[in-house]
C-alpha atoms as a PDB file:
ATOM      1  CA  UNK A   1     -20.461  20.489  -9.450  1.00  0.00           C
ATOM      2  CA  UNK A   2     -16.189  19.716  -8.461  1.00  0.00           C
ATOM      3  CA  UNK A   3     -16.376  21.722  -5.137  1.00  0.00           C
ATOM      4  CA  UNK A   4     -19.164  20.044  -4.501  1.00  0.00           C
ATOM      5  CA  UNK A   5     -17.791  16.694  -4.604  1.00  0.00           C
ATOM      6  CA  UNK A   6     -14.492  17.619  -2.569  1.00  0.00           C
ATOM      7  CA  UNK A   7     -17.727  18.299   0.151  1.00  0.00           C
ATOM      8  CA  UNK A   8     -19.436  14.665  -0.594  1.00  0.00           C
ATOM      9  CA  UNK A   9     -16.096  12.679  -0.163  1.00  0.00           C
ATOM     10  CA  UNK A  10     -14.076  14.403   2.507  1.00  0.00           C
ATOM     11  CA  UNK A  11     -14.896  11.950   4.937  1.00  0.00           C
ATOM     12  CA  UNK A  12     -13.476   9.209   2.600  1.00  0.00           C
ATOM     13  CA  UNK A  13      -9.795  11.415   2.041  1.00  0.00           C
ATOM     14  CA  UNK A  14      -9.547  11.430   5.939  1.00  0.00           C
ATOM     15  CA  UNK A  15     -10.248   8.113   6.639  1.00  0.00           C
ATOM     16  CA  UNK A  16      -8.120   6.890   3.332  1.00  0.00           C
ATOM     17  CA  UNK A  17      -5.002   8.439   3.722  1.00  0.00           C
ATOM     18  CA  UNK A  18      -4.379  10.404   7.035  1.00  0.00           C
ATOM     19  CA  UNK A  19      -3.022   9.536  10.640  1.00  0.00           C
ATOM     20  CA  UNK A  20      -0.995   6.710   9.439  1.00  0.00           C
ATOM     21  CA  UNK A  21      -4.209   5.142   6.532  1.00  0.00           C
ATOM     22  CA  UNK A  22      -2.635   5.490   3.634  1.00  0.00           C
ATOM     23  CA  UNK A  23       1.611   3.850   3.488  1.00  0.00           C
ATOM     24  CA  UNK A  24       2.460   5.762  -0.294  1.00  0.00           C
ATOM     25  CA  UNK A  25       1.972   8.796   2.774  1.00  0.00           C
ATOM     26  CA  UNK A  26       3.849   7.227   5.918  1.00  0.00           C
ATOM     27  CA  UNK A  27       6.641   5.448   4.175  1.00  0.00           C
ATOM     28  CA  UNK A  28       7.147   8.198   0.873  1.00  0.00           C
ATOM     29  CA  UNK A  29       5.694  11.455   0.966  1.00  0.00           C
ATOM     30  CA  UNK A  30       5.932  12.558   4.062  1.00  0.00           C
ATOM     31  CA  UNK A  31       9.361  11.555   5.104  1.00  0.00           C
ATOM     32  CA  UNK A  32      10.681  12.805   0.975  1.00  0.00           C
ATOM     33  CA  UNK A  33       8.356  16.320   2.495  1.00  0.00           C
ATOM     34  CA  UNK A  34       9.994  16.373   6.004  1.00  0.00           C
ATOM     35  CA  UNK A  35      13.484  16.247   4.574  1.00  0.00           C
ATOM     36  CA  UNK A  36      12.468  18.941   1.920  1.00  0.00           C
ATOM     37  CA  UNK A  37      10.763  21.224   4.377  1.00  0.00           C
ATOM     38  CA  UNK A  38      12.769  21.253   7.668  1.00  0.00           C
ATOM     39  CA  UNK A  39      14.539  25.121   9.410  1.00  0.00           C
ATOM     40  CA  UNK A  40      12.148  26.532   6.749  1.00  0.00           C
ATOM     41  CA  UNK A  41      10.193  29.008   9.269  1.00  0.00           C
ATOM     42  CA  UNK A  42       7.432  30.224   7.375  1.00  0.00           C
ATOM     43  CA  UNK A  43       5.332  28.019   5.721  1.00  0.00           C
ATOM     44  CA  UNK A  44       2.089  27.794   3.388  1.00  0.00           C
ATOM     45  CA  UNK A  45       0.739  24.342   2.576  1.00  0.00           C
ATOM     46  CA  UNK A  46      -1.783  25.041  -0.881  1.00  0.00           C
ATOM     47  CA  UNK A  47      -5.276  22.435  -0.523  1.00  0.00           C
ATOM     48  CA  UNK A  48      -3.082  20.701   3.167  1.00  0.00           C
ATOM     49  CA  UNK A  49      -6.876  18.877   3.049  1.00  0.00           C
ATOM     50  CA  UNK A  50      -7.161  18.273   7.133  1.00  0.00           C
ATOM     51  CA  UNK A  51      -3.260  19.602   7.107  1.00  0.00           C
ATOM     52  CA  UNK A  52      -1.102  16.225   7.925  1.00  0.00           C
ATOM     53  CA  UNK A  53       1.914  18.370   6.040  1.00  0.00           C
ATOM     54  CA  UNK A  54       1.998  21.091   7.825  1.00  0.00           C
ATOM     55  CA  UNK A  55       1.101  19.525  11.608  1.00  0.00           C
ATOM     56  CA  UNK A  56       4.036  17.056  10.222  1.00  0.00           C
ATOM     57  CA  UNK A  57       6.045  21.409   9.387  1.00  0.00           C
ATOM     58  CA  UNK A  58       5.529  22.207  13.096  1.00  0.00           C
ATOM     59  CA  UNK A  59       6.616  18.733  14.622  1.00  0.00           C
ATOM     60  CA  UNK A  60       9.157  17.886  12.454  1.00  0.00           C
ATOM     61  CA  UNK A  61      10.095  21.066  11.076  1.00  0.00           C
ATOM     62  CA  UNK A  62      10.904  23.343  13.238  1.00  0.00           C
ATOM     63  CA  UNK A  63       8.668  25.141  10.972  1.00  0.00           C
ATOM     64  CA  UNK A  64       7.708  28.515  13.864  1.00  0.00           C
ATOM     65  CA  UNK A  65       4.594  29.258  11.348  1.00  0.00           C
ATOM     66  CA  UNK A  66       2.659  27.353   9.473  1.00  0.00           C
ATOM     67  CA  UNK A  67      -0.677  27.871   7.327  1.00  0.00           C
ATOM     68  CA  UNK A  68      -2.890  25.491   5.541  1.00  0.00           C
ATOM     69  CA  UNK A  69      -5.236  26.783   3.150  1.00  0.00           C
ATOM     70  CA  UNK A  70      -8.110  24.514   1.157  1.00  0.00           C
ATOM     71  CA  UNK A  71     -11.453  25.483  -0.287  1.00  0.00           C
ATOM     72  CA  UNK A  72     -13.036  22.399   1.341  1.00  0.00           C
ATOM     73  CA  UNK A  73     -15.036  24.310   4.200  1.00  0.00           C
ATOM     74  CA  UNK A  74     -15.561  20.475   6.111  1.00  0.00           C
ATOM     75  CA  UNK A  75     -11.529  19.906   5.754  1.00  0.00           C
ATOM     76  CA  UNK A  76     -10.904  22.958   7.073  1.00  0.00           C
ATOM     77  CA  UNK A  77     -12.795  22.285  10.162  1.00  0.00           C
ATOM     78  CA  UNK A  78     -11.242  19.121  10.331  1.00  0.00           C
ATOM     79  CA  UNK A  79      -7.868  20.348  10.332  1.00  0.00           C
ATOM     80  CA  UNK A  80      -8.602  23.463  13.049  1.00  0.00           C
ATOM     81  CA  UNK A  81     -10.231  19.943  14.978  1.00  0.00           C
ATOM     82  CA  UNK A  82      -7.091  18.470  14.827  1.00  0.00           C
ATOM     83  CA  UNK A  83      -4.853  21.493  15.398  1.00  0.00           C
ATOM     84  CA  UNK A  84      -1.311  20.368  16.380  1.00  0.00           C
ATOM     85  CA  UNK A  85       0.147  23.984  15.625  1.00  0.00           C
ATOM     86  CA  UNK A  86      -0.857  24.921  11.877  1.00  0.00           C
ATOM     87  CA  UNK A  87      -3.534  27.821  11.188  1.00  0.00           C
ATOM     88  CA  UNK A  88      -5.947  27.224   8.461  1.00  0.00           C
ATOM     89  CA  UNK A  89      -7.818  29.254   6.763  1.00  0.00           C
ATOM     90  CA  UNK A  90     -10.288  28.391   3.818  1.00  0.00           C
ATOM     91  CA  UNK A  91      -9.329  29.874   0.077  1.00  0.00           C
ATOM     92  CA  UNK A  92      -8.666  28.607  -3.255  1.00  0.00           C
ATOM     93  CA  UNK A  93      -5.228  28.633  -4.822  1.00  0.00           C
ATOM     94  CA  UNK A  94      -5.561  31.597  -7.020  1.00  0.00           C
ATOM     95  CA  UNK A  95      -5.378  34.790  -5.511  1.00  0.00           C
ATOM     96  CA  UNK A  96      -3.529  33.615  -2.486  1.00  0.00           C
ATOM     97  CA  UNK A  97      -4.621  35.286   1.119  1.00  0.00           C
ATOM     98  CA  UNK A  98      -1.755  36.272   2.205  1.00  0.00           C
ATOM     99  CA  UNK A  99       1.358  39.598   0.692  1.00  0.00           C
ATOM    100  CA  UNK A 100       3.755  39.169  -1.238  1.00  0.00           C
ATOM    101  CA  UNK A 101       7.093  36.898   0.057  1.00  0.00           C
ATOM    102  CA  UNK A 102       5.273  36.103   3.429  1.00  0.00           C
ATOM    103  CA  UNK A 103       6.766  32.309   2.877  1.00  0.00           C
ATOM    104  CA  UNK A 104       9.707  30.475   3.273  1.00  0.00           C
ATOM    105  CA  UNK A 105       8.022  27.449   1.736  1.00  0.00           C
ATOM    106  CA  UNK A 106       5.178  26.349   0.147  1.00  0.00           C
ATOM    107  CA  UNK A 107       4.027  22.485  -0.219  1.00  0.00           C
ATOM    108  CA  UNK A 108       1.159  21.440  -2.593  1.00  0.00           C
ATOM    109  CA  UNK A 109       0.493  17.583  -2.603  1.00  0.00           C
ATOM    110  CA  UNK A 110      -1.047  15.659  -5.151  1.00  0.00           C
ATOM    111  CA  UNK A 111      -3.579  19.293  -5.219  1.00  0.00           C
ATOM    112  CA  UNK A 112      -2.122  20.734  -8.674  1.00  0.00           C
ATOM    113  CA  UNK A 113      -4.120  17.613 -10.533  1.00  0.00           C
ATOM    114  CA  UNK A 114      -7.490  19.117  -9.362  1.00  0.00           C
ATOM    115  CA  UNK A 115      -6.609  22.754  -9.941  1.00  0.00           C
ATOM    116  CA  UNK A 116      -8.336  24.271 -13.700  1.00  0.00           C
ATOM    117  CA  UNK A 117      -5.784  27.024 -13.924  1.00  0.00           C
ATOM    118  CA  UNK A 118      -2.551  25.695 -12.896  1.00  0.00           C
ATOM    119  CA  UNK A 119      -0.375  28.769 -14.100  1.00  0.00           C
ATOM    120  CA  UNK A 120      -2.436  30.884 -12.013  1.00  0.00           C
ATOM    121  CA  UNK A 121      -1.603  28.993  -9.209  1.00  0.00           C
ATOM    122  CA  UNK A 122       1.974  28.815  -9.924  1.00  0.00           C
ATOM    123  CA  UNK A 123       2.318  32.304 -10.198  1.00  0.00           C
ATOM    124  CA  UNK A 124       0.605  32.962  -7.044  1.00  0.00           C
ATOM    125  CA  UNK A 125       2.748  30.256  -4.984  1.00  0.00           C
ATOM    126  CA  UNK A 126       5.696  32.434  -6.719  1.00  0.00           C
ATOM    127  CA  UNK A 127       4.240  36.291  -5.573  1.00  0.00           C
ATOM    128  CA  UNK A 128       3.897  34.939  -1.492  1.00  0.00           C
ATOM    129  CA  UNK A 129       7.506  33.041  -1.572  1.00  0.00           C
ATOM    130  CA  UNK A 130      10.238  35.454   0.007  1.00  0.00           C
ATOM    131  CA  UNK A 131      13.265  34.899  -2.157  1.00  0.00           C
ATOM    132  CA  UNK A 132      15.166  32.124  -1.534  1.00  0.00           C
ATOM    133  CA  UNK A 133      12.055  30.314  -0.289  1.00  0.00           C
ATOM    134  CA  UNK A 134      10.866  26.512  -1.768  1.00  0.00           C
ATOM    135  CA  UNK A 135       8.190  25.075  -4.031  1.00  0.00           C
ATOM    136  CA  UNK A 136       8.173  21.535  -2.759  1.00  0.00           C
ATOM    137  CA  UNK A 137       5.286  20.611  -5.678  1.00  0.00           C
ATOM    138  CA  UNK A 138       4.213  17.150  -5.429  1.00  0.00           C
ATOM    139  CA  UNK A 139       1.924  15.322  -7.947  1.00  0.00           C
ATOM    140  CA  UNK A 140       0.647  12.500  -9.884  1.00  0.00           C
ATOM    141  CA  UNK A 141       3.290  11.331 -12.360  1.00  0.00           C
ATOM    142  CA  UNK A 142       1.818  13.586 -15.080  1.00  0.00           C
ATOM    143  CA  UNK A 143       3.377  10.773 -17.573  1.00  0.00           C
ATOM    144  CA  UNK A 144       2.582   7.870 -16.468  1.00  0.00           C
ATOM    145  CA  UNK A 145      -0.174   7.990 -14.087  1.00  0.00           C
ATOM    146  CA  UNK A 146      -1.729   9.976 -17.756  1.00  0.00           C
ATOM    147  CA  UNK A 147      -5.705   8.347 -18.222  1.00  0.00           C
ATOM    148  CA  UNK A 148      -6.448   5.096 -19.713  1.00  0.00           C
ATOM    149  CA  UNK A 149      -2.513   4.418 -18.863  1.00  0.00           C
ATOM    150  CA  UNK A 150      -2.364   0.884 -16.807  1.00  0.00           C
ATOM    151  CA  UNK A 151      -0.220  -2.690 -16.322  1.00  0.00           C
ATOM    152  CA  UNK A 152      -1.401  -4.744 -19.386  1.00  0.00           C
ATOM    153  CA  UNK A 153      -0.610  -8.834 -20.333  1.00  0.00           C
ATOM    154  CA  UNK A 154      -0.875  -9.579 -23.604  1.00  0.00           C
ATOM    155  CA  UNK A 155      -1.058 -13.231 -23.475  1.00  0.00           C
ATOM    156  CA  UNK A 156      -0.779 -13.420 -27.854  1.00  0.00           C
ATOM    157  CA  UNK A 157       2.353 -11.726 -27.971  1.00  0.00           C
ATOM    158  CA  UNK A 158       3.406 -12.946 -24.780  1.00  0.00           C
ATOM    159  CA  UNK A 159       4.023 -10.025 -23.138  1.00  0.00           C
ATOM    160  CA  UNK A 160       3.672  -7.463 -20.608  1.00  0.00           C
ATOM    161  CA  UNK A 161       4.293  -3.596 -20.285  1.00  0.00           C
ATOM    162  CA  UNK A 162       2.798   0.003 -19.072  1.00  0.00           C
ATOM    163  CA  UNK A 163       0.664   1.339 -21.361  1.00  0.00           C
ATOM    164  CA  UNK A 164       0.867   5.066 -21.679  1.00  0.00           C
ATOM    165  CA  UNK A 165      -2.685   6.613 -22.183  1.00  0.00           C
ATOM    166  CA  UNK A 166      -3.040   9.989 -24.436  1.00  0.00           C
ATOM    167  CA  UNK A 167      -0.140  12.045 -22.470  1.00  0.00           C
ATOM    168  CA  UNK A 168      -0.179  15.120 -24.740  1.00  0.00           C
ATOM    169  CA  UNK A 169      -3.762  16.100 -24.729  1.00  0.00           C
ATOM    170  CA  UNK A 170      -4.836  17.935 -21.747  1.00  0.00           C
ATOM    171  CA  UNK A 171      -7.364  16.464 -19.853  1.00  0.00           C
ATOM    172  CA  UNK A 172     -11.117  18.278 -17.180  1.00  0.00           C
ATOM    173  CA  UNK A 173     -12.585  15.064 -15.995  1.00  0.00           C
ATOM    174  CA  UNK A 174     -14.361  13.297 -12.968  1.00  0.00           C
ATOM    175  CA  UNK A 175     -13.058   9.839 -11.693  1.00  0.00           C
ATOM    176  CA  UNK A 176     -14.630   7.477 -10.246  1.00  0.00           C
ATOM    177  CA  UNK A 177     -11.260   7.118  -7.969  1.00  0.00           C
ATOM    178  CA  UNK A 178     -12.983   4.388  -5.294  1.00  0.00           C
ATOM    179  CA  UNK A 179     -16.523   2.429  -5.663  1.00  0.00           C
ATOM    180  CA  UNK A 180     -18.743   5.367  -5.582  1.00  0.00           C
ATOM    181  CA  UNK A 181     -16.101   8.485  -4.975  1.00  0.00           C
ATOM    182  CA  UNK A 182     -16.343  10.753  -7.779  1.00  0.00           C
ATOM    183  CA  UNK A 183     -13.314  13.439  -7.890  1.00  0.00           C
ATOM    184  CA  UNK A 184     -12.457  16.329 -10.654  1.00  0.00           C
ATOM    185  CA  UNK A 185      -8.951  15.567 -12.216  1.00  0.00           C
ATOM    186  CA  UNK A 186      -6.830  17.936 -14.873  1.00  0.00           C
ATOM    187  CA  UNK A 187      -4.172  16.054 -16.698  1.00  0.00           C
ATOM    188  CA  UNK A 188      -1.471  18.144 -18.173  1.00  0.00           C
ATOM    189  CA  UNK A 189       1.100  16.890 -19.949  1.00  0.00           C
ATOM    190  CA  UNK A 190       4.954  17.571 -17.703  1.00  0.00           C
ATOM    191  CA  UNK A 191       5.735  20.627 -19.710  1.00  0.00           C
ATOM    192  CA  UNK A 192       2.944  23.150 -19.067  1.00  0.00           C
ATOM    193  CA  UNK A 193       3.890  22.847 -15.052  1.00  0.00           C
ATOM    194  CA  UNK A 194       7.336  23.029 -15.574  1.00  0.00           C
ATOM    195  CA  UNK A 195       6.948  26.534 -18.920  1.00  0.00           C
ATOM    196  CA  UNK A 196       4.723  27.467 -15.891  1.00  0.00           C
ATOM    197  CA  UNK A 197       7.745  27.230 -13.139  1.00  0.00           C
ATOM    198  CA  UNK A 198      10.055  29.109 -15.366  1.00  0.00           C
ATOM    199  CA  UNK A 199       7.060  31.626 -16.554  1.00  0.00           C
ATOM    200  CA  UNK A 200       6.682  32.442 -12.288  1.00  0.00           C
ATOM    201  CA  UNK A 201      10.599  33.185 -12.286  1.00  0.00           C
ATOM    202  CA  UNK A 202      11.213  29.775 -10.528  1.00  0.00           C
ATOM    203  CA  UNK A 203      13.871  27.538 -11.013  1.00  0.00           C
ATOM    204  CA  UNK A 204      13.778  23.995 -10.799  1.00  0.00           C
ATOM    205  CA  UNK A 205      16.899  22.965  -8.659  1.00  0.00           C
ATOM    206  CA  UNK A 206      15.466  18.838  -8.423  1.00  0.00           C
ATOM    207  CA  UNK A 207      13.599  16.394 -10.112  1.00  0.00           C
ATOM    208  CA  UNK A 208      12.094  12.131  -8.038  1.00  0.00           C
ATOM    209  CA  UNK A 209      10.710  10.118  -9.744  1.00  0.00           C
ATOM    210  CA  UNK A 210      10.037   8.005  -6.016  1.00  0.00           C
ATOM    211  CA  UNK A 211       9.215   3.839  -6.483  1.00  0.00           C
ATOM    212  CA  UNK A 212       6.190   2.450  -4.977  1.00  0.00           C
ATOM    213  CA  UNK A 213       7.146   2.029  -1.429  1.00  0.00           C
ATOM    214  CA  UNK A 214       6.518  -1.312  -0.093  1.00  0.00           C
ATOM    215  CA  UNK A 215       4.120  -0.887   2.325  1.00  0.00           C
ATOM    216  CA  UNK A 216       2.017   0.568  -0.568  1.00  0.00           C
ATOM    217  CA  UNK A 217       3.321  -2.941  -2.965  1.00  0.00           C
ATOM    218  CA  UNK A 218       1.922  -4.975   0.157  1.00  0.00           C
ATOM    219  CA  UNK A 219      -1.855  -3.838  -0.037  1.00  0.00           C
ATOM    220  CA  UNK A 220      -1.676  -3.262  -3.210  1.00  0.00           C
ATOM    221  CA  UNK A 221      -0.604  -6.615  -4.863  1.00  0.00           C
ATOM    222  CA  UNK A 222      -1.883  -6.295  -7.932  1.00  0.00           C
ATOM    223  CA  UNK A 223       0.148  -3.277  -8.909  1.00  0.00           C
ATOM    224  CA  UNK A 224       4.054  -5.289  -8.142  1.00  0.00           C
ATOM    225  CA  UNK A 225       4.974  -6.314 -11.796  1.00  0.00           C
ATOM    226  CA  UNK A 226       4.515  -2.172 -12.414  1.00  0.00           C
ATOM    227  CA  UNK A 227       6.864  -2.028  -9.406  1.00  0.00           C
ATOM    228  CA  UNK A 228       8.935  -0.254 -12.153  1.00  0.00           C
ATOM    229  CA  UNK A 229       7.103   2.812 -12.822  1.00  0.00           C
ATOM    230  CA  UNK A 230       6.333   5.508 -10.681  1.00  0.00           C
ATOM    231  CA  UNK A 231       2.862   6.935  -9.271  1.00  0.00           C
ATOM    232  CA  UNK A 232       4.734  10.059  -7.870  1.00  0.00           C
ATOM    233  CA  UNK A 233       6.227  12.878  -9.261  1.00  0.00           C
ATOM    234  CA  UNK A 234       8.154  15.524  -7.023  1.00  0.00           C
ATOM    235  CA  UNK A 235       9.272  18.871  -8.214  1.00  0.00           C
ATOM    236  CA  UNK A 236      12.278  21.316  -6.374  1.00  0.00           C
ATOM    237  CA  UNK A 237      11.963  25.048  -7.815  1.00  0.00           C
ATOM    238  CA  UNK A 238      13.198  27.587  -5.306  1.00  0.00           C
ATOM    239  CA  UNK A 239      12.709  31.258  -6.055  1.00  0.00           C
ATOM    240  CA  UNK A 240      16.286  32.756  -6.707  1.00  0.00           C
ATOM    241  CA  UNK A 241      17.270  34.792  -3.868  1.00  0.00           C
ATOM    242  CA  UNK A 242      18.614  38.993  -4.979  1.00  0.00           C
END
């Protein structure tokens, strides 16, 4: 069922989040990805969708080889149609169909929220990274975007605040994220991801919690009062060189 839902909603993703349609990608995610991946010759994009980050790696980062994988057939087909230099294949995040130490960098952008076995996928990222390689890891913020979280206006107490849902409860669910669009999501505490990185032998070197960009606030004015609450979490994890 989850895989079918991704196939059913592929057009919604392509039309709403690529080719400049989404301000969070344009103003925040893509510039950060370019900065973090610059100079990496061999890149793997896990959960590449229609390939926009892999294309940017070729055009903006100078990657000589960029490979994108995604389990959704229609996304891979669209990525191949759009071209731009990367190679694409249909694959899940675990196991990865590549030899060990094949890549200088791996990027996963808003993907692990949809992967059932995050630890196995992170182990595979570590395996295919060469020593000195980088994992650029983008997540919907596991704390502040927990299911049930949101901006609360309490008229009785004359307070406004961000409510956090049941953060410590790992939750697998099908969420309606737009009218008629249902997709599988997995919520995990941040510690699950961090400990999986550590257990895989990766070293966490940077963590960013950027505020929502102005372009997003311009089209989601209801979020403006909560603009101090980040939607995105970025983790840079490197594989130690010998």
